[in-house]
N, C-alpha and C. Protein backbone atom coordinates (compact mmCIF):
# COMPACT_ATOMS: atom_id res chain seq x y z
N ILE A 1 -35.08 -16.87 -76.29
CA ILE A 1 -35.33 -15.63 -76.99
C ILE A 1 -36.83 -15.37 -76.91
N LYS A 2 -37.19 -14.18 -76.50
CA LYS A 2 -38.59 -13.84 -76.32
C LYS A 2 -39.04 -12.84 -77.38
N PHE A 3 -40.22 -13.09 -77.94
CA PHE A 3 -40.87 -12.16 -78.85
C PHE A 3 -42.17 -11.73 -78.19
N ASP A 4 -42.35 -10.43 -78.06
CA ASP A 4 -43.50 -9.87 -77.35
C ASP A 4 -44.43 -9.21 -78.36
N PHE A 5 -45.65 -9.71 -78.46
CA PHE A 5 -46.66 -9.18 -79.37
C PHE A 5 -47.85 -8.62 -78.59
N THR A 6 -47.61 -8.03 -77.44
CA THR A 6 -48.71 -7.61 -76.56
C THR A 6 -49.22 -6.21 -76.89
N ASP A 7 -49.58 -5.98 -78.15
CA ASP A 7 -50.24 -4.73 -78.51
C ASP A 7 -51.62 -4.73 -77.90
N LYS A 8 -52.13 -3.54 -77.63
CA LYS A 8 -53.45 -3.44 -77.02
C LYS A 8 -54.36 -2.60 -77.90
N ASN A 9 -55.66 -2.93 -77.88
CA ASN A 9 -56.63 -2.13 -78.62
C ASN A 9 -57.04 -0.93 -77.78
N ALA A 10 -57.95 -0.12 -78.29
CA ALA A 10 -58.37 1.11 -77.61
C ALA A 10 -58.99 0.82 -76.25
N ALA A 11 -59.59 -0.36 -76.09
CA ALA A 11 -60.22 -0.74 -74.81
C ALA A 11 -59.18 -1.26 -73.81
N GLY A 12 -57.92 -1.37 -74.24
CA GLY A 12 -56.87 -1.85 -73.34
C GLY A 12 -56.72 -3.36 -73.30
N GLU A 13 -57.40 -4.07 -74.22
CA GLU A 13 -57.32 -5.52 -74.27
C GLU A 13 -56.14 -5.95 -75.14
N GLU A 14 -55.46 -7.04 -74.74
CA GLU A 14 -54.36 -7.56 -75.54
C GLU A 14 -54.91 -8.13 -76.84
N ILE A 15 -54.24 -7.81 -77.94
CA ILE A 15 -54.69 -8.29 -79.24
C ILE A 15 -53.88 -9.50 -79.69
N GLY A 16 -52.58 -9.39 -79.73
CA GLY A 16 -51.73 -10.47 -80.19
C GLY A 16 -51.72 -10.61 -81.70
N VAL A 17 -51.06 -11.66 -82.19
CA VAL A 17 -50.92 -11.90 -83.63
C VAL A 17 -51.31 -13.33 -83.96
N LEU A 18 -51.59 -13.58 -85.22
CA LEU A 18 -51.78 -14.93 -85.72
C LEU A 18 -50.41 -15.40 -86.17
N PHE A 19 -49.84 -16.36 -85.48
CA PHE A 19 -48.45 -16.79 -85.68
C PHE A 19 -48.42 -18.03 -86.57
N ASN A 20 -47.60 -18.00 -87.62
CA ASN A 20 -47.58 -19.09 -88.60
C ASN A 20 -46.33 -19.96 -88.53
N SER A 21 -45.13 -19.34 -88.55
CA SER A 21 -43.92 -20.17 -88.62
C SER A 21 -42.69 -19.39 -88.15
N ILE A 22 -41.60 -20.15 -87.93
CA ILE A 22 -40.31 -19.57 -87.57
C ILE A 22 -39.22 -20.33 -88.32
N GLY A 23 -38.21 -19.62 -88.78
CA GLY A 23 -37.07 -20.24 -89.45
C GLY A 23 -35.86 -20.22 -88.54
N LEU A 24 -35.16 -21.35 -88.44
CA LEU A 24 -33.98 -21.48 -87.59
C LEU A 24 -32.81 -21.98 -88.43
N LEU A 25 -31.64 -21.41 -88.21
CA LEU A 25 -30.45 -21.74 -89.00
C LEU A 25 -29.39 -22.38 -88.12
N ASP A 26 -28.78 -23.44 -88.60
CA ASP A 26 -27.59 -24.06 -88.03
C ASP A 26 -27.77 -24.50 -86.58
N LEU A 27 -28.83 -25.28 -86.32
CA LEU A 27 -29.06 -25.79 -84.97
C LEU A 27 -28.14 -26.97 -84.69
N ASP A 28 -27.79 -27.17 -83.43
CA ASP A 28 -27.12 -28.41 -83.03
C ASP A 28 -28.16 -29.51 -83.17
N GLU A 29 -27.89 -30.51 -83.97
CA GLU A 29 -28.88 -31.53 -84.31
C GLU A 29 -29.45 -32.28 -83.12
N HIS A 30 -28.62 -32.66 -82.17
CA HIS A 30 -29.12 -33.46 -81.06
C HIS A 30 -29.75 -32.60 -79.96
N LYS A 31 -29.82 -31.32 -80.15
CA LYS A 31 -30.45 -30.42 -79.18
C LYS A 31 -31.56 -29.65 -79.89
N LEU A 32 -32.75 -30.23 -79.92
CA LEU A 32 -33.87 -29.62 -80.63
C LEU A 32 -34.40 -28.42 -79.87
N PRO A 33 -34.95 -27.42 -80.58
CA PRO A 33 -35.46 -26.23 -79.91
C PRO A 33 -36.74 -26.54 -79.14
N GLU A 34 -36.93 -25.76 -78.10
CA GLU A 34 -38.15 -25.85 -77.31
C GLU A 34 -38.89 -24.53 -77.50
N PHE A 35 -40.19 -24.60 -77.66
CA PHE A 35 -41.01 -23.41 -77.87
C PHE A 35 -41.94 -23.21 -76.69
N MET A 36 -42.27 -21.94 -76.41
CA MET A 36 -43.28 -21.61 -75.41
C MET A 36 -44.16 -20.51 -76.00
N VAL A 37 -45.41 -20.55 -75.68
CA VAL A 37 -46.35 -19.57 -76.21
C VAL A 37 -47.32 -19.13 -75.12
N LYS A 38 -47.71 -17.87 -75.22
CA LYS A 38 -48.75 -17.32 -74.33
C LYS A 38 -49.79 -16.69 -75.25
N PHE A 39 -51.06 -17.02 -75.00
CA PHE A 39 -52.13 -16.53 -75.85
C PHE A 39 -52.81 -15.31 -75.23
N ALA A 40 -53.42 -14.49 -76.07
CA ALA A 40 -54.15 -13.31 -75.61
C ALA A 40 -55.25 -13.74 -74.65
N GLY A 41 -55.36 -13.02 -73.55
CA GLY A 41 -56.37 -13.31 -72.55
C GLY A 41 -55.97 -14.40 -71.57
N GLY A 42 -54.81 -14.99 -71.74
CA GLY A 42 -54.35 -16.05 -70.84
C GLY A 42 -53.09 -15.65 -70.11
N ASP A 43 -52.82 -16.31 -68.99
CA ASP A 43 -51.63 -16.03 -68.20
C ASP A 43 -50.62 -17.17 -68.27
N GLU A 44 -51.02 -18.30 -68.84
CA GLU A 44 -50.20 -19.51 -68.82
C GLU A 44 -49.24 -19.56 -70.01
N LEU A 45 -47.98 -19.90 -69.72
CA LEU A 45 -47.00 -20.17 -70.77
C LEU A 45 -47.07 -21.67 -71.09
N ILE A 46 -47.31 -22.00 -72.35
CA ILE A 46 -47.44 -23.40 -72.76
C ILE A 46 -46.14 -23.80 -73.47
N LYS A 47 -45.54 -24.89 -73.00
CA LYS A 47 -44.26 -25.37 -73.52
C LYS A 47 -44.50 -26.57 -74.44
N PHE A 48 -43.79 -26.60 -75.60
CA PHE A 48 -43.93 -27.72 -76.52
C PHE A 48 -42.70 -27.84 -77.41
N LYS A 49 -42.53 -29.03 -78.03
CA LYS A 49 -41.42 -29.33 -78.94
C LYS A 49 -41.97 -30.04 -80.17
N PHE A 50 -41.14 -30.13 -81.19
CA PHE A 50 -41.44 -30.95 -82.36
C PHE A 50 -40.66 -32.24 -82.20
N ASN A 51 -41.37 -33.36 -82.04
CA ASN A 51 -40.71 -34.64 -81.84
C ASN A 51 -40.51 -35.32 -83.19
N GLU A 52 -39.26 -35.35 -83.66
CA GLU A 52 -38.96 -35.92 -84.98
C GLU A 52 -39.24 -37.41 -85.06
N ARG A 53 -39.14 -38.12 -83.94
CA ARG A 53 -39.37 -39.57 -83.96
C ARG A 53 -40.81 -39.93 -84.31
N ASP A 54 -41.76 -39.03 -84.02
CA ASP A 54 -43.16 -39.29 -84.32
C ASP A 54 -43.59 -38.76 -85.68
N ALA A 55 -42.66 -38.21 -86.44
CA ALA A 55 -43.00 -37.54 -87.69
C ALA A 55 -42.88 -38.46 -88.90
N ASN A 56 -43.72 -38.19 -89.88
CA ASN A 56 -43.62 -38.85 -91.19
C ASN A 56 -42.63 -38.05 -92.02
N LYS A 57 -41.57 -38.71 -92.52
CA LYS A 57 -40.51 -38.03 -93.25
C LYS A 57 -40.72 -38.22 -94.75
N GLN A 58 -40.58 -37.11 -95.49
CA GLN A 58 -40.73 -37.15 -96.94
C GLN A 58 -39.61 -36.32 -97.56
N SER A 59 -38.86 -36.91 -98.51
CA SER A 59 -37.80 -36.16 -99.20
C SER A 59 -38.40 -35.29 -100.28
N VAL A 60 -37.92 -34.05 -100.35
CA VAL A 60 -38.36 -33.11 -101.37
C VAL A 60 -37.08 -32.59 -102.03
N GLY A 61 -36.53 -33.33 -102.95
CA GLY A 61 -35.24 -32.98 -103.54
C GLY A 61 -34.13 -33.70 -102.80
N ASN A 62 -32.89 -33.50 -103.25
CA ASN A 62 -31.77 -34.25 -102.66
C ASN A 62 -31.27 -33.69 -101.34
N ARG A 63 -31.60 -32.46 -101.00
CA ARG A 63 -31.12 -31.87 -99.74
C ARG A 63 -32.24 -31.39 -98.82
N THR A 64 -33.48 -31.57 -99.21
CA THR A 64 -34.60 -31.06 -98.43
C THR A 64 -35.52 -32.19 -98.03
N GLU A 65 -35.95 -32.17 -96.77
CA GLU A 65 -36.93 -33.15 -96.30
C GLU A 65 -38.00 -32.44 -95.49
N MET A 66 -39.20 -32.97 -95.56
CA MET A 66 -40.34 -32.42 -94.84
C MET A 66 -40.80 -33.45 -93.82
N LEU A 67 -40.90 -33.05 -92.56
CA LEU A 67 -41.36 -33.93 -91.50
C LEU A 67 -42.71 -33.42 -91.02
N THR A 68 -43.72 -34.27 -91.05
CA THR A 68 -45.08 -33.87 -90.71
C THR A 68 -45.59 -34.73 -89.56
N LEU A 69 -46.27 -34.09 -88.62
CA LEU A 69 -46.90 -34.80 -87.52
C LEU A 69 -48.39 -34.94 -87.81
N GLU A 70 -48.91 -36.15 -87.67
CA GLU A 70 -50.34 -36.35 -87.87
C GLU A 70 -51.15 -35.75 -86.73
N ARG A 71 -50.66 -35.98 -85.51
CA ARG A 71 -51.34 -35.44 -84.33
C ARG A 71 -50.35 -34.57 -83.57
N SER A 72 -50.61 -33.29 -83.55
CA SER A 72 -49.75 -32.37 -82.83
C SER A 72 -50.60 -31.26 -82.25
N GLU A 73 -50.23 -30.84 -81.06
CA GLU A 73 -51.02 -29.78 -80.45
C GLU A 73 -50.77 -28.44 -81.14
N TYR A 74 -49.51 -28.14 -81.47
CA TYR A 74 -49.21 -26.83 -82.06
C TYR A 74 -48.29 -26.87 -83.27
N VAL A 75 -47.22 -27.67 -83.25
CA VAL A 75 -46.30 -27.73 -84.38
C VAL A 75 -46.81 -28.78 -85.35
N THR A 76 -47.03 -28.40 -86.60
CA THR A 76 -47.59 -29.33 -87.56
C THR A 76 -46.55 -29.91 -88.51
N GLN A 77 -45.52 -29.11 -88.82
CA GLN A 77 -44.56 -29.55 -89.82
C GLN A 77 -43.22 -28.87 -89.62
N MET A 78 -42.16 -29.58 -90.00
CA MET A 78 -40.82 -29.00 -89.99
C MET A 78 -40.17 -29.34 -91.32
N THR A 79 -39.65 -28.34 -92.00
CA THR A 79 -38.93 -28.54 -93.25
C THR A 79 -37.46 -28.27 -92.98
N ARG A 80 -36.60 -29.22 -93.39
CA ARG A 80 -35.16 -29.07 -93.15
C ARG A 80 -34.44 -29.06 -94.50
N GLN A 81 -33.66 -28.01 -94.73
CA GLN A 81 -32.83 -27.92 -95.92
C GLN A 81 -31.39 -28.08 -95.48
N ARG A 82 -30.75 -29.13 -95.95
CA ARG A 82 -29.38 -29.43 -95.54
C ARG A 82 -28.39 -28.83 -96.54
N ALA A 83 -27.16 -28.63 -96.07
CA ALA A 83 -26.11 -28.04 -96.89
C ALA A 83 -25.16 -29.13 -97.40
N TYR A 84 -24.47 -28.82 -98.47
CA TYR A 84 -23.47 -29.74 -99.02
C TYR A 84 -22.10 -29.31 -98.50
N ASN A 85 -21.42 -30.21 -97.79
CA ASN A 85 -20.10 -29.94 -97.25
C ASN A 85 -19.07 -30.34 -98.30
N THR A 86 -18.38 -29.35 -98.87
CA THR A 86 -17.43 -29.62 -99.96
C THR A 86 -16.20 -30.38 -99.46
N LYS A 87 -15.79 -30.18 -98.22
CA LYS A 87 -14.62 -30.90 -97.69
C LYS A 87 -14.94 -32.38 -97.49
N LYS A 88 -16.11 -32.67 -96.90
CA LYS A 88 -16.51 -34.06 -96.66
C LYS A 88 -17.19 -34.69 -97.87
N LYS A 89 -17.54 -33.85 -98.85
CA LYS A 89 -18.21 -34.27 -100.09
C LYS A 89 -19.49 -35.04 -99.81
N LYS A 90 -20.30 -34.47 -98.90
CA LYS A 90 -21.61 -35.08 -98.62
C LYS A 90 -22.54 -34.04 -98.01
N VAL A 91 -23.83 -34.37 -98.00
CA VAL A 91 -24.84 -33.50 -97.41
C VAL A 91 -24.80 -33.68 -95.90
N THR A 92 -24.73 -32.56 -95.16
CA THR A 92 -24.66 -32.60 -93.70
C THR A 92 -25.69 -31.66 -93.09
N ASP A 93 -25.82 -31.74 -91.79
CA ASP A 93 -26.73 -30.84 -91.08
C ASP A 93 -26.06 -29.52 -90.71
N GLU A 94 -24.77 -29.40 -90.94
CA GLU A 94 -24.06 -28.15 -90.68
C GLU A 94 -24.66 -27.05 -91.57
N ASN A 95 -25.02 -25.93 -90.98
CA ASN A 95 -25.65 -24.80 -91.67
C ASN A 95 -27.01 -25.13 -92.27
N SER A 96 -27.70 -26.11 -91.71
CA SER A 96 -29.03 -26.46 -92.22
C SER A 96 -30.04 -25.39 -91.83
N LEU A 97 -31.05 -25.25 -92.63
CA LEU A 97 -32.13 -24.30 -92.39
C LEU A 97 -33.39 -25.09 -92.09
N ARG A 98 -34.05 -24.77 -90.97
CA ARG A 98 -35.30 -25.43 -90.59
C ARG A 98 -36.41 -24.40 -90.50
N THR A 99 -37.57 -24.81 -90.96
CA THR A 99 -38.77 -23.98 -90.81
C THR A 99 -39.80 -24.80 -90.06
N TYR A 100 -40.26 -24.27 -88.94
CA TYR A 100 -41.30 -24.92 -88.13
C TYR A 100 -42.62 -24.21 -88.39
N ASP A 101 -43.63 -24.97 -88.83
CA ASP A 101 -44.97 -24.43 -89.07
C ASP A 101 -45.85 -24.73 -87.87
N PHE A 102 -46.65 -23.75 -87.48
CA PHE A 102 -47.52 -23.87 -86.30
C PHE A 102 -48.98 -23.75 -86.69
N ASP A 103 -49.83 -24.36 -85.87
CA ASP A 103 -51.27 -24.21 -86.02
C ASP A 103 -51.85 -23.96 -84.63
N PHE A 104 -52.12 -22.70 -84.35
CA PHE A 104 -52.70 -22.32 -83.06
C PHE A 104 -54.20 -22.08 -83.20
N GLY A 105 -54.77 -22.46 -84.33
CA GLY A 105 -56.20 -22.23 -84.56
C GLY A 105 -56.47 -20.75 -84.64
N ASP A 106 -57.53 -20.31 -83.97
CA ASP A 106 -57.86 -18.89 -83.98
C ASP A 106 -57.27 -18.16 -82.77
N LYS A 107 -56.43 -18.84 -81.99
CA LYS A 107 -55.81 -18.21 -80.82
C LYS A 107 -54.74 -17.22 -81.26
N ARG A 108 -54.74 -16.06 -80.63
CA ARG A 108 -53.75 -15.03 -80.95
C ARG A 108 -52.60 -15.09 -79.95
N VAL A 109 -51.39 -15.03 -80.47
CA VAL A 109 -50.18 -15.14 -79.67
C VAL A 109 -49.76 -13.76 -79.18
N THR A 110 -49.53 -13.64 -77.87
CA THR A 110 -49.02 -12.38 -77.31
C THR A 110 -47.54 -12.48 -76.95
N GLU A 111 -47.07 -13.68 -76.61
CA GLU A 111 -45.65 -13.90 -76.32
C GLU A 111 -45.24 -15.23 -76.95
N PHE A 112 -44.05 -15.23 -77.56
CA PHE A 112 -43.52 -16.45 -78.16
C PHE A 112 -42.05 -16.58 -77.76
N TYR A 113 -41.67 -17.74 -77.26
CA TYR A 113 -40.31 -17.98 -76.79
C TYR A 113 -39.68 -19.12 -77.59
N VAL A 114 -38.39 -18.99 -77.86
CA VAL A 114 -37.62 -20.06 -78.49
C VAL A 114 -36.43 -20.32 -77.59
N ASN A 115 -36.26 -21.56 -77.17
CA ASN A 115 -35.11 -21.94 -76.35
C ASN A 115 -34.20 -22.80 -77.20
N LEU A 116 -33.06 -22.24 -77.58
CA LEU A 116 -32.05 -22.99 -78.34
C LEU A 116 -31.02 -23.46 -77.33
N SER A 117 -31.00 -24.74 -77.06
CA SER A 117 -30.09 -25.26 -76.03
C SER A 117 -28.65 -25.31 -76.51
N GLY A 118 -28.43 -25.18 -77.82
CA GLY A 118 -27.09 -25.13 -78.38
C GLY A 118 -26.97 -23.89 -79.25
N SER A 119 -26.15 -23.99 -80.27
CA SER A 119 -26.00 -22.86 -81.18
C SER A 119 -27.14 -22.82 -82.18
N GLY A 120 -27.30 -21.70 -82.85
CA GLY A 120 -28.34 -21.53 -83.85
C GLY A 120 -28.73 -20.07 -83.98
N ALA A 121 -29.52 -19.77 -85.00
CA ALA A 121 -29.96 -18.40 -85.24
C ALA A 121 -31.38 -18.42 -85.79
N ILE A 122 -32.10 -17.33 -85.58
CA ILE A 122 -33.45 -17.19 -86.11
C ILE A 122 -33.35 -16.43 -87.42
N THR A 123 -33.92 -17.01 -88.48
CA THR A 123 -33.85 -16.38 -89.79
C THR A 123 -35.10 -15.58 -90.12
N ASP A 124 -36.26 -16.01 -89.64
CA ASP A 124 -37.48 -15.28 -89.94
C ASP A 124 -38.61 -15.69 -89.01
N LEU A 125 -39.56 -14.77 -88.88
CA LEU A 125 -40.83 -15.02 -88.18
C LEU A 125 -41.94 -14.72 -89.17
N ASN A 126 -42.93 -15.58 -89.24
CA ASN A 126 -44.05 -15.36 -90.13
C ASN A 126 -45.30 -15.26 -89.27
N TYR A 127 -45.85 -14.05 -89.18
CA TYR A 127 -47.06 -13.83 -88.40
C TYR A 127 -47.89 -12.75 -89.06
N TYR A 128 -49.14 -12.66 -88.66
CA TYR A 128 -50.06 -11.69 -89.22
C TYR A 128 -50.63 -10.84 -88.10
N ARG A 129 -50.47 -9.55 -88.24
CA ARG A 129 -51.03 -8.60 -87.28
C ARG A 129 -52.19 -7.90 -87.98
N GLU A 130 -53.36 -8.05 -87.44
CA GLU A 130 -54.55 -7.45 -88.04
C GLU A 130 -54.66 -6.01 -87.59
N ASP A 131 -54.60 -5.09 -88.55
CA ASP A 131 -54.77 -3.67 -88.22
C ASP A 131 -56.25 -3.34 -88.22
N THR A 132 -56.70 -2.74 -87.15
CA THR A 132 -58.09 -2.33 -87.03
C THR A 132 -58.12 -0.85 -86.69
N PRO A 133 -59.24 -0.16 -86.92
CA PRO A 133 -59.31 1.28 -86.60
C PRO A 133 -59.08 1.58 -85.12
N ASN A 134 -59.42 0.65 -84.22
CA ASN A 134 -59.25 0.89 -82.79
C ASN A 134 -57.93 0.34 -82.26
N PHE A 135 -56.98 0.16 -83.12
CA PHE A 135 -55.71 -0.46 -82.76
C PHE A 135 -54.67 0.63 -82.51
N SER A 136 -53.99 0.55 -81.38
CA SER A 136 -52.94 1.54 -81.09
C SER A 136 -51.60 0.82 -80.98
N ARG A 137 -50.56 1.43 -81.53
CA ARG A 137 -49.24 0.84 -81.56
C ARG A 137 -48.21 1.94 -81.33
N LYS A 138 -47.11 1.61 -80.64
CA LYS A 138 -46.04 2.57 -80.43
C LYS A 138 -45.26 2.73 -81.73
N VAL A 139 -45.15 3.97 -82.20
CA VAL A 139 -44.44 4.27 -83.44
C VAL A 139 -43.39 5.34 -83.13
N PRO A 140 -42.17 5.20 -83.65
CA PRO A 140 -41.16 6.21 -83.37
C PRO A 140 -41.55 7.57 -83.94
N GLU A 141 -41.16 8.61 -83.25
CA GLU A 141 -41.42 9.99 -83.66
C GLU A 141 -40.68 10.29 -84.95
N PRO A 142 -41.37 10.77 -86.00
CA PRO A 142 -40.68 11.10 -87.25
C PRO A 142 -39.62 12.19 -87.06
N THR A 143 -39.89 13.12 -86.15
CA THR A 143 -38.92 14.21 -85.94
C THR A 143 -37.63 13.70 -85.32
N SER A 144 -37.69 12.63 -84.51
CA SER A 144 -36.46 12.10 -83.92
C SER A 144 -35.59 11.46 -85.00
N ILE A 145 -36.19 10.84 -86.00
CA ILE A 145 -35.43 10.25 -87.11
C ILE A 145 -34.80 11.37 -87.94
N LEU A 146 -35.56 12.44 -88.20
CA LEU A 146 -35.02 13.58 -88.96
C LEU A 146 -33.88 14.26 -88.21
N SER A 147 -34.04 14.40 -86.90
CA SER A 147 -32.98 15.06 -86.13
C SER A 147 -31.72 14.21 -86.09
N LEU A 148 -31.87 12.89 -86.05
CA LEU A 148 -30.71 12.01 -86.09
C LEU A 148 -29.98 12.14 -87.42
N ALA A 149 -30.73 12.22 -88.53
CA ALA A 149 -30.12 12.39 -89.86
C ALA A 149 -29.42 13.75 -89.95
N ALA A 150 -30.04 14.79 -89.40
CA ALA A 150 -29.44 16.12 -89.43
C ALA A 150 -28.15 16.16 -88.61
N MET A 151 -28.15 15.53 -87.45
CA MET A 151 -26.94 15.50 -86.61
C MET A 151 -25.81 14.74 -87.31
N SER A 152 -26.15 13.66 -88.00
CA SER A 152 -25.14 12.89 -88.73
C SER A 152 -24.54 13.71 -89.86
N ALA A 153 -25.38 14.44 -90.60
CA ALA A 153 -24.89 15.29 -91.69
C ALA A 153 -24.01 16.41 -91.15
N LEU A 154 -24.40 17.00 -90.03
CA LEU A 154 -23.62 18.07 -89.41
C LEU A 154 -22.26 17.54 -88.96
N ALA A 155 -22.21 16.38 -88.36
CA ALA A 155 -20.95 15.80 -87.90
C ALA A 155 -20.05 15.47 -89.09
N ALA A 156 -20.63 14.95 -90.18
CA ALA A 156 -19.84 14.62 -91.37
C ALA A 156 -19.24 15.86 -92.01
N SER A 157 -20.03 16.94 -92.11
CA SER A 157 -19.51 18.17 -92.72
C SER A 157 -18.45 18.81 -91.83
N SER A 158 -18.60 18.70 -90.52
CA SER A 158 -17.61 19.23 -89.59
C SER A 158 -16.28 18.50 -89.73
N LEU A 159 -16.33 17.18 -89.85
CA LEU A 159 -15.11 16.39 -90.04
C LEU A 159 -14.44 16.72 -91.37
N LYS A 160 -15.25 16.93 -92.40
CA LYS A 160 -14.70 17.26 -93.72
C LYS A 160 -13.97 18.59 -93.68
N ARG A 161 -14.58 19.61 -93.03
CA ARG A 161 -13.93 20.92 -92.90
C ARG A 161 -12.62 20.82 -92.11
N LYS A 162 -12.66 20.01 -91.05
CA LYS A 162 -11.50 19.84 -90.19
C LYS A 162 -10.34 19.22 -90.99
N ARG A 163 -10.65 18.24 -91.82
CA ARG A 163 -9.62 17.59 -92.64
C ARG A 163 -9.05 18.56 -93.68
N LYS A 164 -9.93 19.41 -94.28
CA LYS A 164 -9.46 20.40 -95.26
C LYS A 164 -8.47 21.37 -94.62
N CYS A 165 -8.79 21.80 -93.41
CA CYS A 165 -7.93 22.75 -92.70
C CYS A 165 -6.58 22.09 -92.39
N GLN A 166 -6.54 20.82 -92.00
CA GLN A 166 -5.30 20.14 -91.68
C GLN A 166 -4.45 19.94 -92.93
N ILE A 167 -5.09 19.67 -94.06
CA ILE A 167 -4.35 19.45 -95.31
C ILE A 167 -3.72 20.75 -95.80
N SER A 168 -4.44 21.86 -95.72
CA SER A 168 -3.92 23.14 -96.22
C SER A 168 -2.83 23.72 -95.30
N ASN A 169 -2.77 23.33 -94.04
CA ASN A 169 -1.73 23.84 -93.12
C ASN A 169 -0.49 23.12 -93.38
């Protein structure tokens, strides 16, 4: 899955975002996600993973654990919240929620990739986009949204009239 943050400033330079974390839901446990990042001003895609074997594990409650890496190039911490399986009557990784925290320093991210080798879903992205006066961004035309609403209202009223005519006949 690719996320593209390649906004450009007035001078045509890529700006990117300050990327903090990503939330992933219901991953296959033995197939950890792989991340790739491209920074503003660079052409290289950098690939990395969070290696749980090298992490310090700390329990935070009965279903939550925090795994922290002392030395990591980009991923600093992963928090896993596990679910309680009522049929098996125990805490399992099924439907677990993971949050991966990143530290890219002052580097701005223009492209971010997540490779889920099994099943899973993305629940959230946490990033900061700095708005500056010389910043340009594609924004949808307000008139196109209004025209879509008007067309929907027209179609609904047309269907209502049509139904009234069929009922009275």
